[in-house]
Amino acid sequence: MSRGILGFYAARIPLHWTVRWAMVIGAFGNSSLFLMQAIFPVLDSPVPAEGLFPMIFRLYVFGSILTTTYGFWAAAITVFWSTFRHAPSDSFLKK
């Protein structure tokens, strides 16, 4: 995800602040999910664990996925639409 964020930065296309924050929070959130699964193996079992902590973990997983998806999806759409704004003019085509 860091490479994706750096790629969007290298494109030099301004993104809305909510998109930037969603990408960064999602990148940190997804990394922390892997860390928590490594520390607490019960969270990574094939059968969902019961209790308060596993329930909070599942909510955190879905929140992180939604945040990351919004950030990278909105950034990709913004970059895509910016390609049409910088299209060559008609005078270039007439030459």
C-alpha atoms as a PDB file:
ATOM      1  CA  MET A   1       0.000   0.000   0.000  1.00  0.00           C
ATOM      2  CA  SER A   2       2.893   2.318   0.588  1.00  0.00           C
ATOM      3  CA  ARG A   3       3.877   1.919  -3.048  1.00  0.00           C
ATOM      4  CA  GLY A   4       0.338   2.788  -4.079  1.00  0.00           C
ATOM      5  CA  ILE A   5       0.383   5.936  -1.969  1.00  0.00           C
ATOM      6  CA  LEU A   6       3.778   6.909  -3.368  1.00  0.00           C
ATOM      7  CA  GLY A   7       2.483   6.232  -6.885  1.00  0.00           C
ATOM      8  CA  PHE A   8      -0.434   8.587  -6.387  1.00  0.00           C
ATOM      9  CA  TYR A   9       1.968  11.163  -4.956  1.00  0.00           C
ATOM     10  CA  ALA A  10       4.259  10.778  -7.984  1.00  0.00           C
ATOM     11  CA  ALA A  11       1.309  11.425 -10.311  1.00  0.00           C
ATOM     12  CA  ARG A  12       1.193  14.996  -8.912  1.00  0.00           C
ATOM     13  CA  ILE A  13      -2.591  15.102  -9.088  1.00  0.00           C
ATOM     14  CA  PRO A  14      -4.205  16.892  -6.139  1.00  0.00           C
ATOM     15  CA  LEU A  15      -6.451  14.633  -4.093  1.00  0.00           C
ATOM     16  CA  HIS A  16      -9.136  15.694  -1.645  1.00  0.00           C
ATOM     17  CA  TRP A  17      -7.974  15.618   1.973  1.00  0.00           C
ATOM     18  CA  THR A  18     -10.493  12.891   2.876  1.00  0.00           C
ATOM     19  CA  VAL A  19      -9.051  10.648   0.174  1.00  0.00           C
ATOM     20  CA  ARG A  20      -5.483  11.190   1.371  1.00  0.00           C
ATOM     21  CA  TRP A  21      -6.380  10.489   4.992  1.00  0.00           C
ATOM     22  CA  ALA A  22      -8.444   7.405   4.092  1.00  0.00           C
ATOM     23  CA  MET A  23      -5.504   5.923   2.179  1.00  0.00           C
ATOM     24  CA  VAL A  24      -3.059   6.531   5.032  1.00  0.00           C
ATOM     25  CA  ILE A  25      -5.397   5.356   7.803  1.00  0.00           C
ATOM     26  CA  GLY A  26      -6.299   2.290   5.749  1.00  0.00           C
ATOM     27  CA  ALA A  27      -2.653   1.434   5.136  1.00  0.00           C
ATOM     28  CA  PHE A  28      -1.858   1.622   8.842  1.00  0.00           C
ATOM     29  CA  GLY A  29      -5.077  -0.183   9.745  1.00  0.00           C
ATOM     30  CA  ASN A  30      -4.428  -3.135   7.452  1.00  0.00           C
ATOM     31  CA  SER A  31      -0.869  -3.490   8.730  1.00  0.00           C
ATOM     32  CA  SER A  32      -2.080  -3.504  12.320  1.00  0.00           C
ATOM     33  CA  LEU A  33      -4.590  -6.240  11.459  1.00  0.00           C
ATOM     34  CA  PHE A  34      -1.795  -8.580  10.397  1.00  0.00           C
ATOM     35  CA  LEU A  35       0.144  -7.730  13.546  1.00  0.00           C
ATOM     36  CA  MET A  36      -2.847  -8.472  15.792  1.00  0.00           C
ATOM     37  CA  GLN A  37      -3.438 -11.791  14.036  1.00  0.00           C
ATOM     38  CA  ALA A  38       0.200 -12.718  14.621  1.00  0.00           C
ATOM     39  CA  ILE A  39       0.054 -11.794  18.308  1.00  0.00           C
ATOM     40  CA  PHE A  40      -3.361 -13.407  18.939  1.00  0.00           C
ATOM     41  CA  PRO A  41      -3.601 -16.575  16.781  1.00  0.00           C
ATOM     42  CA  VAL A  42      -7.202 -17.190  17.886  1.00  0.00           C
ATOM     43  CA  LEU A  43      -8.222 -14.282  15.613  1.00  0.00           C
ATOM     44  CA  ASP A  44      -6.879 -16.150  12.575  1.00  0.00           C
ATOM     45  CA  SER A  45      -8.625 -19.478  13.220  1.00  0.00           C
ATOM     46  CA  PRO A  46     -10.876 -21.028  10.559  1.00  0.00           C
ATOM     47  CA  VAL A  47     -13.810 -20.963  12.982  1.00  0.00           C
ATOM     48  CA  PRO A  48     -14.703 -17.447  14.165  1.00  0.00           C
ATOM     49  CA  ALA A  49     -13.922 -16.998  17.847  1.00  0.00           C
ATOM     50  CA  GLU A  50     -16.613 -15.838  20.249  1.00  0.00           C
ATOM     51  CA  GLY A  51     -16.321 -13.022  22.755  1.00  0.00           C
ATOM     52  CA  LEU A  52     -15.990  -9.276  22.992  1.00  0.00           C
ATOM     53  CA  PHE A  53     -12.408  -8.927  21.701  1.00  0.00           C
ATOM     54  CA  PRO A  54     -12.969 -11.025  18.540  1.00  0.00           C
ATOM     55  CA  MET A  55     -16.165  -9.060  17.845  1.00  0.00           C
ATOM     56  CA  ILE A  56     -14.303  -5.748  18.168  1.00  0.00           C
ATOM     57  CA  PHE A  57     -11.580  -7.180  15.922  1.00  0.00           C
ATOM     58  CA  ARG A  58     -14.142  -8.079  13.225  1.00  0.00           C
ATOM     59  CA  LEU A  59     -15.607  -4.562  13.361  1.00  0.00           C
ATOM     60  CA  TYR A  60     -12.075  -3.159  13.058  1.00  0.00           C
ATOM     61  CA  VAL A  61     -11.423  -5.411  10.043  1.00  0.00           C
ATOM     62  CA  PHE A  62     -14.534  -4.213   8.227  1.00  0.00           C
ATOM     63  CA  GLY A  63     -13.847  -0.576   9.119  1.00  0.00           C
ATOM     64  CA  SER A  64     -10.294  -0.850   7.850  1.00  0.00           C
ATOM     65  CA  ILE A  65     -11.386  -2.513   4.622  1.00  0.00           C
ATOM     66  CA  LEU A  66     -14.033   0.139   3.984  1.00  0.00           C
ATOM     67  CA  THR A  67     -11.654   3.011   4.734  1.00  0.00           C
ATOM     68  CA  THR A  68      -8.899   1.604   2.532  1.00  0.00           C
ATOM     69  CA  THR A  69     -11.304   0.851  -0.301  1.00  0.00           C
ATOM     70  CA  TYR A  70     -12.778   4.350  -0.220  1.00  0.00           C
ATOM     71  CA  GLY A  71      -9.343   5.984  -0.215  1.00  0.00           C
ATOM     72  CA  PHE A  72      -7.749   4.034  -3.033  1.00  0.00           C
ATOM     73  CA  TRP A  73     -10.940   3.868  -5.114  1.00  0.00           C
ATOM     74  CA  ALA A  74     -11.490   7.618  -4.888  1.00  0.00           C
ATOM     75  CA  ALA A  75      -7.819   8.282  -5.687  1.00  0.00           C
ATOM     76  CA  ALA A  76      -7.971   5.993  -8.727  1.00  0.00           C
ATOM     77  CA  ILE A  77     -11.150   7.677  -9.993  1.00  0.00           C
ATOM     78  CA  THR A  78      -9.587  11.117  -9.448  1.00  0.00           C
ATOM     79  CA  VAL A  79      -6.478  10.166 -11.414  1.00  0.00           C
ATOM     80  CA  PHE A  80      -8.621   8.612 -14.145  1.00  0.00           C
ATOM     81  CA  TRP A  81     -10.764  11.743 -14.538  1.00  0.00           C
ATOM     82  CA  SER A  82      -7.697  13.978 -14.476  1.00  0.00           C
ATOM     83  CA  THR A  83      -6.495  12.333 -17.689  1.00  0.00           C
ATOM     84  CA  PHE A  84      -9.499  13.821 -19.495  1.00  0.00           C
ATOM     85  CA  ARG A  85      -8.903  17.299 -18.112  1.00  0.00           C
ATOM     86  CA  HIS A  86      -5.402  17.412 -19.592  1.00  0.00           C
ATOM     87  CA  ALA A  87      -6.360  16.127 -23.043  1.00  0.00           C
ATOM     88  CA  PRO A  88      -4.772  17.903 -26.000  1.00  0.00           C
ATOM     89  CA  SER A  89      -6.785  20.730 -27.501  1.00  0.00           C
ATOM     90  CA  ASP A  90      -8.360  20.771 -30.945  1.00  0.00           C
ATOM     91  CA  SER A  91      -5.676  23.119 -32.251  1.00  0.00           C
ATOM     92  CA  PHE A  92      -3.095  20.407 -31.685  1.00  0.00           C
ATOM     93  CA  LEU A  93      -5.108  17.960 -33.749  1.00  0.00           C
ATOM     94  CA  LYS A  94      -5.519  20.426 -36.678  1.00  0.00           C
ATOM     95  CA  LYS A  95      -1.769  20.868 -37.167  1.00  0.00           C
END
